[in-house]
Amino acid sequence: MPTNSLTITDERTNKTYTVSIDKGTIRAMDLRQIKVDAEDFGLMTYDPAFMNTASCQSTITYIDGDRGILRYRGYPIEELAEKCTFLEVAYLILNGEIPSETQFKNWVHEVKYHTMLHETTKAFLEGFRYDAHPMGMLVSTVAALSTVYPEARDVLDAENRRLQIVRLISKMPTISAYTYRHSRGLPYVYPDNDLNYTGNFMNMLWKMVEPKYVANPVLARALSVLFILHADHEQNCSTNTMRAVASSQADPYLAVSAAASALSGPLHGGANEQVLRMLDAIGSKENVPAYIEQVKAGKLRLMGFGHRVYKNYDPRAQIIKWTADQVFQVTGRSAKLDIALELERIALEDEYFIKRKLYPNVDFYSGIIYQAMGFKPNMFTALFAIPRTVGWLAHWDELMRDPEQKIARPRQIYAGPAERHLPASKPTIAVPVTV
């Protein structure tokens, strides 16, 4: 008998079963041996929303929600945000190691080489209404790239996967910027490969008639930090979608489009927009105590607090608070920040929130920063999609190399009617005779 095991007694049959424990988990398929008789299908687990089910093994991101820890490939998020650029972190997530100087130079060159969109793709964007939501445009355009690069269907070829990964990371800022320009009725701005990743994105967003756009270095660095914080977050809704779609061997453009669709929901990538709406509803710092009482009475929700994984202060939220200070030195202090700080102060001292382990998450401050930088709330989720593409693609590549993975196909518990039949009086539909 394995020493690291679990013994289960089935009281229906008085039989005992031993299943191995590995990395704190048991294999769900090991439960299938637990049957009442030979005709029994075997025991399954029932876990709505995957609250306690691991669908894969991954070497990319480590989270300890109780202690507020987030690491990419073993590196603490605090160190990466302080000392790295976004493209350095992207390389780390995709390849497992921080790049050397030569590796980084080659990586940046690869990314810059693929930033342009095919002109027909630009024409595709122009078909959207002037008021189309940026995420709808982004999702559709990324899916459309599947037709531009049909070779991407060869997902089992590692070299081909690498090419598509670089293309997607390169083109996501371009697509996102073009959705913004489209909504403003402005001409599209071509990428400027003299600029770094976030500076070039800002150029495509905001360049007007000046010969050369120069990004504010503080804002460009703040955007880089925000991108680092959003690059990956383990098996969240959109990453799980990416893996599920990719498990059918769909090409990466269609899989990323599906992941971005999952991200677009207000419970996932759209949460920071909900925070801004809450702050607007509160109106001023003086109204915070009354709002808190409404939350405690169950009449309102405190947006941006609490997380499925974190039962401690979200480490990304602490970094974002520091980033906000840097941004507001350039843009001027937002009145919303005073409301947010007062909300946080009261919530962290109130037993109601402490008992429920409700701490600020990454969405609480990110929307305030984006708005201060000049982004409209409907752009927030598209901004989220740019860095998260790195995480999605790292998980996609990992999935393709994992011999244990098959097409995703969860079981269900059928809870409908038992077998029944149509009334005998119902006539059979006659098949027409072809002459």
Protein backbone atom coordinates (compact mmCIF):
# COMPACT_ATOMS: atom_id res chain seq x y z
CA MET A 1 0.00 0.00 0.00
CA PRO A 2 1.42 3.47 -0.89
CA THR A 3 2.35 5.51 2.17
CA ASN A 4 1.00 8.68 0.56
CA SER A 5 -2.54 7.45 0.00
CA LEU A 6 -6.16 7.78 0.96
CA THR A 7 -8.32 4.84 2.05
CA ILE A 8 -12.02 5.12 1.25
CA THR A 9 -14.73 2.92 2.71
CA ASP A 10 -17.91 2.63 0.62
CA GLU A 11 -20.65 2.10 3.19
CA ARG A 12 -23.02 0.94 0.45
CA THR A 13 -20.92 -2.20 -0.09
CA ASN A 14 -18.54 -2.17 2.91
CA LYS A 15 -15.62 -2.34 0.46
CA THR A 16 -12.46 -0.29 0.94
CA TYR A 17 -10.40 1.35 -1.78
CA THR A 18 -6.94 2.92 -1.75
CA VAL A 19 -6.10 5.88 -3.98
CA SER A 20 -2.74 7.61 -4.26
CA ILE A 21 -2.20 11.22 -3.18
CA ASP A 22 0.17 13.27 -5.33
CA LYS A 23 0.85 17.00 -4.82
CA GLY A 24 -2.15 17.21 -2.50
CA THR A 25 -4.57 15.72 -5.04
CA ILE A 26 -6.16 12.42 -5.96
CA ARG A 27 -6.96 11.36 -9.52
CA ALA A 28 -10.65 11.67 -10.22
CA MET A 29 -10.45 8.58 -12.46
CA ASP A 30 -9.29 6.55 -9.43
CA LEU A 31 -12.79 7.02 -8.03
CA ARG A 32 -14.32 5.19 -10.97
CA GLN A 33 -13.33 1.86 -9.37
CA ILE A 34 -15.82 2.55 -6.57
CA LYS A 35 -18.97 0.78 -7.77
CA VAL A 36 -22.06 -0.85 -6.31
CA ASP A 37 -21.92 -3.61 -8.92
CA ALA A 38 -20.32 -4.39 -12.27
CA GLU A 39 -23.04 -2.45 -14.15
CA ASP A 40 -22.41 0.72 -12.13
CA PHE A 41 -20.58 3.51 -14.00
CA GLY A 42 -18.47 4.28 -10.95
CA LEU A 43 -18.13 7.26 -8.67
CA MET A 44 -17.71 10.76 -10.12
CA THR A 45 -16.99 14.10 -8.46
CA TYR A 46 -19.48 16.97 -8.72
CA ASP A 47 -17.78 20.36 -8.68
CA PRO A 48 -19.77 23.29 -10.17
CA ALA A 49 -17.48 26.13 -11.30
CA PHE A 50 -14.37 24.02 -10.58
CA MET A 51 -14.20 25.21 -6.98
CA ASN A 52 -11.87 22.38 -5.96
CA THR A 53 -10.79 20.61 -9.14
CA ALA A 54 -7.37 20.80 -10.80
CA SER A 55 -7.70 20.35 -14.57
CA CYS A 56 -3.98 20.35 -15.37
CA GLN A 57 -0.44 20.51 -14.04
CA SER A 58 1.37 23.74 -14.89
CA THR A 59 4.81 25.21 -14.31
CA ILE A 60 3.84 28.79 -15.18
CA THR A 61 2.16 30.57 -12.26
CA TYR A 62 2.08 29.84 -8.53
CA ILE A 63 -0.57 31.36 -6.28
CA ASP A 64 -1.01 30.99 -2.52
CA GLY A 65 -4.24 32.84 -1.88
CA ASP A 66 -4.12 32.52 1.90
CA ARG A 67 -0.71 34.17 2.10
CA GLY A 68 -1.18 36.61 -0.79
CA ILE A 69 1.61 35.18 -2.97
CA LEU A 70 1.83 35.38 -6.76
CA ARG A 71 4.87 34.14 -8.69
CA TYR A 72 5.64 33.70 -12.38
CA ARG A 73 7.97 30.73 -12.96
CA GLY A 74 9.04 31.05 -9.30
CA TYR A 75 9.79 34.80 -9.35
CA PRO A 76 7.73 36.97 -6.93
CA ILE A 77 5.46 39.40 -8.75
CA GLU A 78 6.87 42.25 -6.63
CA GLU A 79 10.41 41.72 -7.97
CA LEU A 80 9.27 41.39 -11.56
CA ALA A 81 7.17 44.56 -11.41
CA GLU A 82 10.04 46.51 -9.85
CA LYS A 83 12.94 45.33 -12.00
CA CYS A 84 11.63 44.05 -15.35
CA THR A 85 9.94 45.33 -18.48
CA PHE A 86 6.79 43.67 -19.75
CA LEU A 87 8.56 41.96 -22.64
CA GLU A 88 11.14 40.50 -20.24
CA VAL A 89 8.31 39.04 -18.16
CA ALA A 90 6.57 37.81 -21.32
CA TYR A 91 9.75 35.97 -22.33
CA LEU A 92 9.98 34.48 -18.82
CA ILE A 93 6.38 33.25 -18.86
CA LEU A 94 6.77 31.72 -22.31
CA ASN A 95 10.26 30.23 -21.93
CA GLY A 96 10.72 29.64 -18.22
CA GLU A 97 13.75 31.88 -17.68
CA ILE A 98 14.62 35.59 -17.64
CA PRO A 99 16.27 36.36 -21.01
CA SER A 100 19.96 37.12 -21.34
CA GLU A 101 20.89 40.41 -22.98
CA THR A 102 21.26 38.72 -26.38
CA GLN A 103 18.05 36.70 -25.99
CA PHE A 104 16.13 39.82 -25.03
CA LYS A 105 17.47 41.80 -27.98
CA ASN A 106 16.41 39.03 -30.38
CA TRP A 107 13.02 38.70 -28.65
CA VAL A 108 12.28 42.42 -28.93
CA HIS A 109 13.27 42.32 -32.62
CA GLU A 110 10.89 39.40 -33.22
CA VAL A 111 7.99 41.19 -31.57
CA LYS A 112 8.59 44.45 -33.43
CA TYR A 113 8.85 42.60 -36.75
CA HIS A 114 5.25 41.34 -36.44
CA THR A 115 3.42 44.42 -35.11
CA MET A 116 1.83 45.39 -38.45
CA LEU A 117 -1.66 44.23 -39.40
CA HIS A 118 -2.47 43.03 -42.90
CA GLU A 119 -4.26 45.83 -44.76
CA THR A 120 -7.29 43.61 -45.34
CA THR A 121 -7.57 43.19 -41.58
CA LYS A 122 -7.75 46.97 -41.24
CA ALA A 123 -10.57 46.93 -43.78
CA PHE A 124 -12.31 44.29 -41.66
CA LEU A 125 -12.19 46.66 -38.66
CA GLU A 126 -13.70 49.45 -40.71
CA GLY A 127 -16.85 47.38 -41.14
CA PHE A 128 -17.85 47.85 -37.51
CA ARG A 129 -20.25 50.57 -36.37
CA TYR A 130 -18.67 53.71 -34.98
CA ASP A 131 -19.96 52.85 -31.49
CA ALA A 132 -18.98 49.15 -31.51
CA HIS A 133 -17.57 47.95 -28.18
CA PRO A 134 -13.77 47.53 -28.33
CA MET A 135 -13.92 43.97 -26.98
CA GLY A 136 -16.39 42.88 -29.64
CA MET A 137 -14.09 44.33 -32.28
CA LEU A 138 -10.98 42.78 -30.72
CA VAL A 139 -12.53 39.31 -30.36
CA SER A 140 -13.77 39.34 -33.96
CA THR A 141 -10.52 40.65 -35.41
CA VAL A 142 -8.35 38.12 -33.58
CA ALA A 143 -10.61 35.34 -34.85
CA ALA A 144 -10.36 36.78 -38.37
CA LEU A 145 -6.55 36.42 -38.23
CA SER A 146 -7.17 32.68 -38.39
CA THR A 147 -7.98 33.21 -42.08
CA VAL A 148 -4.89 35.37 -42.62
CA TYR A 149 -2.55 32.71 -41.22
CA PRO A 150 -4.06 29.32 -42.18
CA GLU A 151 -0.76 27.56 -41.36
CA ALA A 152 -1.55 28.21 -37.69
CA ARG A 153 -3.76 25.10 -37.79
CA ASP A 154 -0.65 22.93 -37.54
CA VAL A 155 -0.69 23.23 -33.76
CA LEU A 156 1.46 20.14 -33.16
CA ASP A 157 4.49 21.72 -34.81
CA ALA A 158 6.55 23.49 -32.11
CA GLU A 159 8.26 25.91 -34.50
CA ASN A 160 4.93 26.89 -36.02
CA ARG A 161 3.44 27.43 -32.55
CA ARG A 162 6.33 29.73 -31.71
CA LEU A 163 5.67 31.87 -34.80
CA GLN A 164 1.97 32.26 -33.97
CA ILE A 165 2.80 33.14 -30.36
CA VAL A 166 5.07 35.98 -31.48
CA ARG A 167 2.51 37.19 -34.00
CA LEU A 168 -0.29 37.37 -31.45
CA ILE A 169 1.78 39.12 -28.78
CA SER A 170 2.95 41.61 -31.41
CA LYS A 171 -0.45 42.33 -32.93
CA MET A 172 -2.68 42.54 -29.85
CA PRO A 173 -1.63 46.13 -29.01
CA THR A 174 -2.13 47.12 -32.66
CA ILE A 175 -5.63 45.64 -32.76
CA SER A 176 -6.55 47.16 -29.41
CA ALA A 177 -5.29 50.60 -30.44
CA TYR A 178 -7.16 50.40 -33.73
CA THR A 179 -10.44 49.61 -31.95
CA TYR A 180 -9.90 52.80 -29.93
CA ARG A 181 -9.10 54.90 -33.00
CA HIS A 182 -12.13 53.45 -34.80
CA SER A 183 -14.44 54.49 -31.94
CA ARG A 184 -13.05 58.04 -32.10
CA GLY A 185 -13.28 58.29 -35.90
CA LEU A 186 -9.53 58.78 -36.12
CA PRO A 187 -7.16 57.37 -38.77
CA TYR A 188 -5.14 54.33 -37.75
CA VAL A 189 -1.53 54.91 -36.73
CA TYR A 190 1.10 52.47 -37.91
CA PRO A 191 3.43 50.92 -35.32
CA ASP A 192 6.67 52.76 -34.62
CA ASN A 193 9.43 50.23 -34.04
CA ASP A 194 11.73 52.87 -32.56
CA LEU A 195 9.54 52.74 -29.43
CA ASN A 196 9.29 50.09 -26.75
CA TYR A 197 6.23 47.83 -26.36
CA THR A 198 4.07 50.12 -24.21
CA GLY A 199 5.41 53.33 -25.80
CA ASN A 200 4.48 52.04 -29.23
CA PHE A 201 1.01 51.12 -27.98
CA MET A 202 0.55 54.66 -26.66
CA ASN A 203 1.76 55.99 -30.03
CA MET A 204 -0.88 54.00 -31.91
CA LEU A 205 -3.53 55.22 -29.47
CA TRP A 206 -2.78 58.91 -29.18
CA LYS A 207 -0.53 60.17 -31.98
CA MET A 208 -2.13 63.04 -33.84
CA VAL A 209 -0.26 65.34 -36.27
CA GLU A 210 3.12 65.51 -34.54
CA PRO A 211 6.00 64.07 -36.63
CA LYS A 212 7.11 61.77 -33.82
CA TYR A 213 5.07 60.66 -30.80
CA VAL A 214 6.99 60.73 -27.53
CA ALA A 215 5.35 58.77 -24.73
CA ASN A 216 5.56 60.11 -21.20
CA PRO A 217 8.11 57.75 -19.60
CA VAL A 218 6.27 57.62 -16.27
CA LEU A 219 3.00 56.61 -17.93
CA ALA A 220 4.75 54.14 -20.26
CA ARG A 221 6.42 52.51 -17.24
CA ALA A 222 3.13 52.44 -15.32
CA LEU A 223 1.45 50.71 -18.26
CA SER A 224 4.32 48.20 -18.38
CA VAL A 225 3.80 47.43 -14.67
CA LEU A 226 0.06 47.00 -15.16
CA PHE A 227 0.74 44.65 -18.08
CA ILE A 228 3.12 42.60 -15.91
CA LEU A 229 0.49 42.27 -13.18
CA HIS A 230 -2.12 41.07 -15.68
CA ALA A 231 0.08 38.72 -17.73
CA ASP A 232 -1.11 35.48 -16.13
CA HIS A 233 -3.16 34.32 -13.19
CA GLU A 234 -3.30 30.55 -13.26
CA GLN A 235 -6.55 28.75 -14.21
CA ASN A 236 -8.97 31.65 -14.29
CA CYS A 237 -12.11 31.69 -16.46
CA SER A 238 -10.42 32.91 -19.65
CA THR A 239 -7.33 30.68 -19.30
CA ASN A 240 -9.56 27.69 -18.68
CA THR A 241 -11.46 28.66 -21.85
CA MET A 242 -8.19 28.93 -23.77
CA ARG A 243 -7.18 25.43 -22.70
CA ALA A 244 -10.64 23.96 -23.35
CA VAL A 245 -10.89 25.36 -26.89
CA ALA A 246 -7.24 24.57 -27.69
CA SER A 247 -7.71 20.98 -26.49
CA SER A 248 -9.72 20.35 -29.68
CA GLN A 249 -6.61 21.50 -31.63
CA ALA A 250 -8.33 24.66 -32.82
CA ASP A 251 -5.79 27.18 -34.04
CA PRO A 252 -4.46 29.77 -31.55
CA TYR A 253 -6.27 32.74 -33.09
CA LEU A 254 -9.65 31.12 -32.56
CA ALA A 255 -8.63 29.93 -29.09
CA VAL A 256 -7.39 33.39 -28.05
CA SER A 257 -10.60 34.88 -29.44
CA ALA A 258 -12.60 32.51 -27.24
CA ALA A 259 -10.45 33.34 -24.21
CA ALA A 260 -10.93 37.06 -24.84
CA SER A 261 -14.69 36.47 -25.04
CA ALA A 262 -14.57 34.91 -21.58
CA LEU A 263 -12.47 37.83 -20.34
CA SER A 264 -15.05 40.36 -21.57
CA GLY A 265 -17.60 39.46 -18.89
CA PRO A 266 -18.15 41.84 -15.94
CA LEU A 267 -17.23 39.11 -13.45
CA HIS A 268 -13.79 38.72 -15.05
CA GLY A 269 -12.01 41.36 -17.15
CA GLY A 270 -14.78 43.93 -16.81
CA ALA A 271 -14.63 44.13 -13.02
CA ASN A 272 -12.55 47.33 -12.87
CA GLU A 273 -15.23 49.16 -14.83
CA GLN A 274 -17.72 48.14 -12.14
CA VAL A 275 -15.41 49.67 -9.51
CA LEU A 276 -15.51 53.04 -11.31
CA ARG A 277 -19.29 52.92 -11.45
CA MET A 278 -19.37 52.24 -7.71
CA LEU A 279 -17.01 55.18 -6.99
CA ASP A 280 -19.18 57.44 -9.17
CA ALA A 281 -22.27 56.30 -7.24
CA ILE A 282 -20.60 57.08 -3.89
CA GLY A 283 -19.70 60.53 -5.16
CA SER A 284 -17.45 61.79 -2.35
CA LYS A 285 -15.28 60.64 0.53
CA GLU A 286 -17.90 61.77 3.03
CA ASN A 287 -20.44 59.31 1.63
CA VAL A 288 -18.21 56.26 2.14
CA PRO A 289 -19.39 55.29 5.67
CA ALA A 290 -23.04 55.26 4.57
CA TYR A 291 -22.16 53.14 1.53
CA ILE A 292 -20.27 50.68 3.72
CA GLU A 293 -23.34 50.30 5.95
CA GLN A 294 -25.47 49.59 2.87
CA VAL A 295 -22.99 46.89 1.85
CA LYS A 296 -23.10 45.30 5.31
CA ALA A 297 -26.90 45.35 5.18
CA GLY A 298 -26.78 43.35 1.93
CA LYS A 299 -28.29 46.17 -0.14
CA LEU A 300 -25.18 47.00 -2.18
CA ARG A 301 -21.97 45.28 -3.29
CA LEU A 302 -18.43 46.42 -2.57
CA MET A 303 -16.82 46.09 -6.00
CA GLY A 304 -13.09 45.37 -6.24
CA PHE A 305 -12.96 43.55 -2.92
CA GLY A 306 -12.62 39.81 -2.48
CA HIS A 307 -11.32 37.17 -4.86
CA ARG A 308 -12.00 33.50 -5.55
CA VAL A 309 -8.33 32.67 -4.89
CA TYR A 310 -6.98 35.36 -2.56
CA LYS A 311 -8.08 35.26 1.07
CA ASN A 312 -5.49 37.90 1.87
CA TYR A 313 -4.45 41.21 0.30
CA ASP A 314 -4.04 40.67 -3.45
CA PRO A 315 -0.29 41.29 -3.99
CA ARG A 316 -1.05 42.96 -7.32
CA ALA A 317 -3.26 45.54 -5.58
CA GLN A 318 -0.36 46.67 -3.39
CA ILE A 319 1.83 47.25 -6.46
CA ILE A 320 -0.98 49.09 -8.22
CA LYS A 321 -1.33 51.51 -5.29
CA TRP A 322 2.32 52.45 -5.74
CA THR A 323 1.83 52.76 -9.50
CA ALA A 324 -1.16 55.06 -8.93
CA ASP A 325 1.02 57.47 -6.98
CA GLN A 326 3.45 57.67 -9.91
CA VAL A 327 0.68 58.21 -12.46
CA PHE A 328 -1.10 60.93 -10.49
CA GLN A 329 2.13 62.92 -10.22
CA VAL A 330 1.83 63.29 -14.00
CA THR A 331 -1.93 63.44 -14.56
CA GLY A 332 -3.04 65.13 -11.36
CA ARG A 333 -4.77 63.43 -8.48
CA SER A 334 -8.15 61.85 -9.18
CA ALA A 335 -10.98 62.54 -6.73
CA LYS A 336 -11.88 58.86 -7.11
CA LEU A 337 -8.61 57.91 -5.43
CA ASP A 338 -9.61 59.63 -2.19
CA ILE A 339 -12.90 57.72 -2.20
CA ALA A 340 -11.08 54.44 -2.92
CA LEU A 341 -8.52 54.99 -0.16
CA GLU A 342 -11.25 55.76 2.35
CA LEU A 343 -13.20 52.66 1.29
CA GLU A 344 -10.08 50.55 1.73
CA ARG A 345 -9.24 52.08 5.11
CA ILE A 346 -12.69 51.45 6.58
CA ALA A 347 -13.03 47.97 5.07
CA LEU A 348 -9.65 46.82 6.38
CA GLU A 349 -10.58 47.93 9.90
CA ASP A 350 -14.16 46.62 9.93
CA GLU A 351 -14.74 43.20 11.48
CA TYR A 352 -17.45 42.47 8.89
CA PHE A 353 -14.90 42.52 6.04
CA ILE A 354 -12.02 41.07 8.06
CA LYS A 355 -14.11 38.05 9.04
CA ARG A 356 -15.05 37.43 5.39
CA LYS A 357 -11.46 37.98 4.23
CA LEU A 358 -12.51 40.70 1.80
CA TYR A 359 -9.41 42.59 0.71
CA PRO A 360 -8.83 44.87 -2.30
CA ASN A 361 -8.04 42.98 -5.49
CA VAL A 362 -6.28 44.03 -8.67
CA ASP A 363 -9.43 45.61 -10.12
CA PHE A 364 -9.89 48.07 -7.25
CA TYR A 365 -7.23 50.56 -8.36
CA SER A 366 -6.49 49.61 -11.99
CA GLY A 367 -9.57 51.31 -13.43
CA ILE A 368 -8.75 54.58 -11.63
CA ILE A 369 -5.26 54.54 -13.15
CA TYR A 370 -6.48 53.72 -16.66
CA GLN A 371 -9.03 56.52 -16.50
CA ALA A 372 -6.42 59.00 -15.28
CA MET A 373 -4.21 58.03 -18.23
CA GLY A 374 -7.01 58.91 -20.64
CA PHE A 375 -8.71 55.57 -21.33
CA LYS A 376 -12.50 55.29 -21.46
CA PRO A 377 -13.99 52.49 -19.32
CA ASN A 378 -15.07 50.48 -22.37
CA MET A 379 -11.36 50.11 -23.27
CA PHE A 380 -10.35 48.59 -19.93
CA THR A 381 -10.97 44.97 -20.87
CA ALA A 382 -9.12 45.35 -24.17
CA LEU A 383 -6.17 46.67 -22.15
CA PHE A 384 -6.41 43.56 -19.96
CA ALA A 385 -6.43 41.29 -23.04
CA ILE A 386 -3.08 42.59 -24.34
CA PRO A 387 -0.89 41.22 -21.52
CA ARG A 388 -3.12 38.25 -20.70
CA THR A 389 -2.52 36.99 -24.25
CA VAL A 390 0.98 36.04 -23.05
CA GLY A 391 -0.45 33.85 -20.30
CA TRP A 392 -3.05 32.30 -22.60
CA LEU A 393 -0.40 31.38 -25.15
CA ALA A 394 1.99 29.99 -22.52
CA HIS A 395 -0.81 27.71 -21.30
CA TRP A 396 -1.66 26.79 -24.90
CA ASP A 397 1.92 25.77 -25.61
CA GLU A 398 2.09 23.86 -22.33
CA LEU A 399 -1.14 22.05 -23.18
CA MET A 400 0.17 21.03 -26.60
CA ARG A 401 3.27 19.49 -24.98
CA ASP A 402 1.42 17.69 -22.16
CA PRO A 403 0.97 13.95 -22.94
CA GLU A 404 -1.79 13.66 -20.33
CA GLN A 405 -4.07 16.21 -21.96
CA LYS A 406 -6.96 15.19 -24.20
CA ILE A 407 -9.91 17.09 -25.58
CA ALA A 408 -11.74 18.75 -22.67
CA ARG A 409 -14.99 16.96 -22.01
CA PRO A 410 -16.42 17.28 -18.47
CA ARG A 411 -19.02 14.82 -17.22
CA GLN A 412 -22.47 15.87 -16.10
CA ILE A 413 -25.10 14.58 -13.71
CA TYR A 414 -28.33 14.08 -15.61
CA ALA A 415 -31.22 15.46 -13.54
CA GLY A 416 -33.98 15.40 -16.17
CA PRO A 417 -36.99 13.10 -16.68
CA ALA A 418 -36.63 9.33 -16.89
CA GLU A 419 -37.40 7.58 -20.19
CA ARG A 420 -40.80 8.53 -21.59
CA HIS A 421 -42.62 8.17 -24.92
CA LEU A 422 -44.77 10.23 -27.27
CA PRO A 423 -48.47 9.36 -27.28
CA ALA A 424 -49.44 6.55 -29.67
CA SER A 425 -51.98 8.90 -31.28
CA LYS A 426 -49.21 11.17 -32.60
CA PRO A 427 -48.91 10.35 -36.32
CA THR A 428 -45.68 9.46 -38.02
CA ILE A 429 -44.35 12.18 -40.31
CA ALA A 430 -44.61 10.98 -43.89
CA VAL A 431 -41.44 11.18 -45.97
CA PRO A 432 -42.18 12.82 -49.34
CA VAL A 433 -41.52 10.71 -52.39
CA THR A 434 -39.06 12.25 -54.88
CA VAL A 435 -40.15 11.82 -58.49
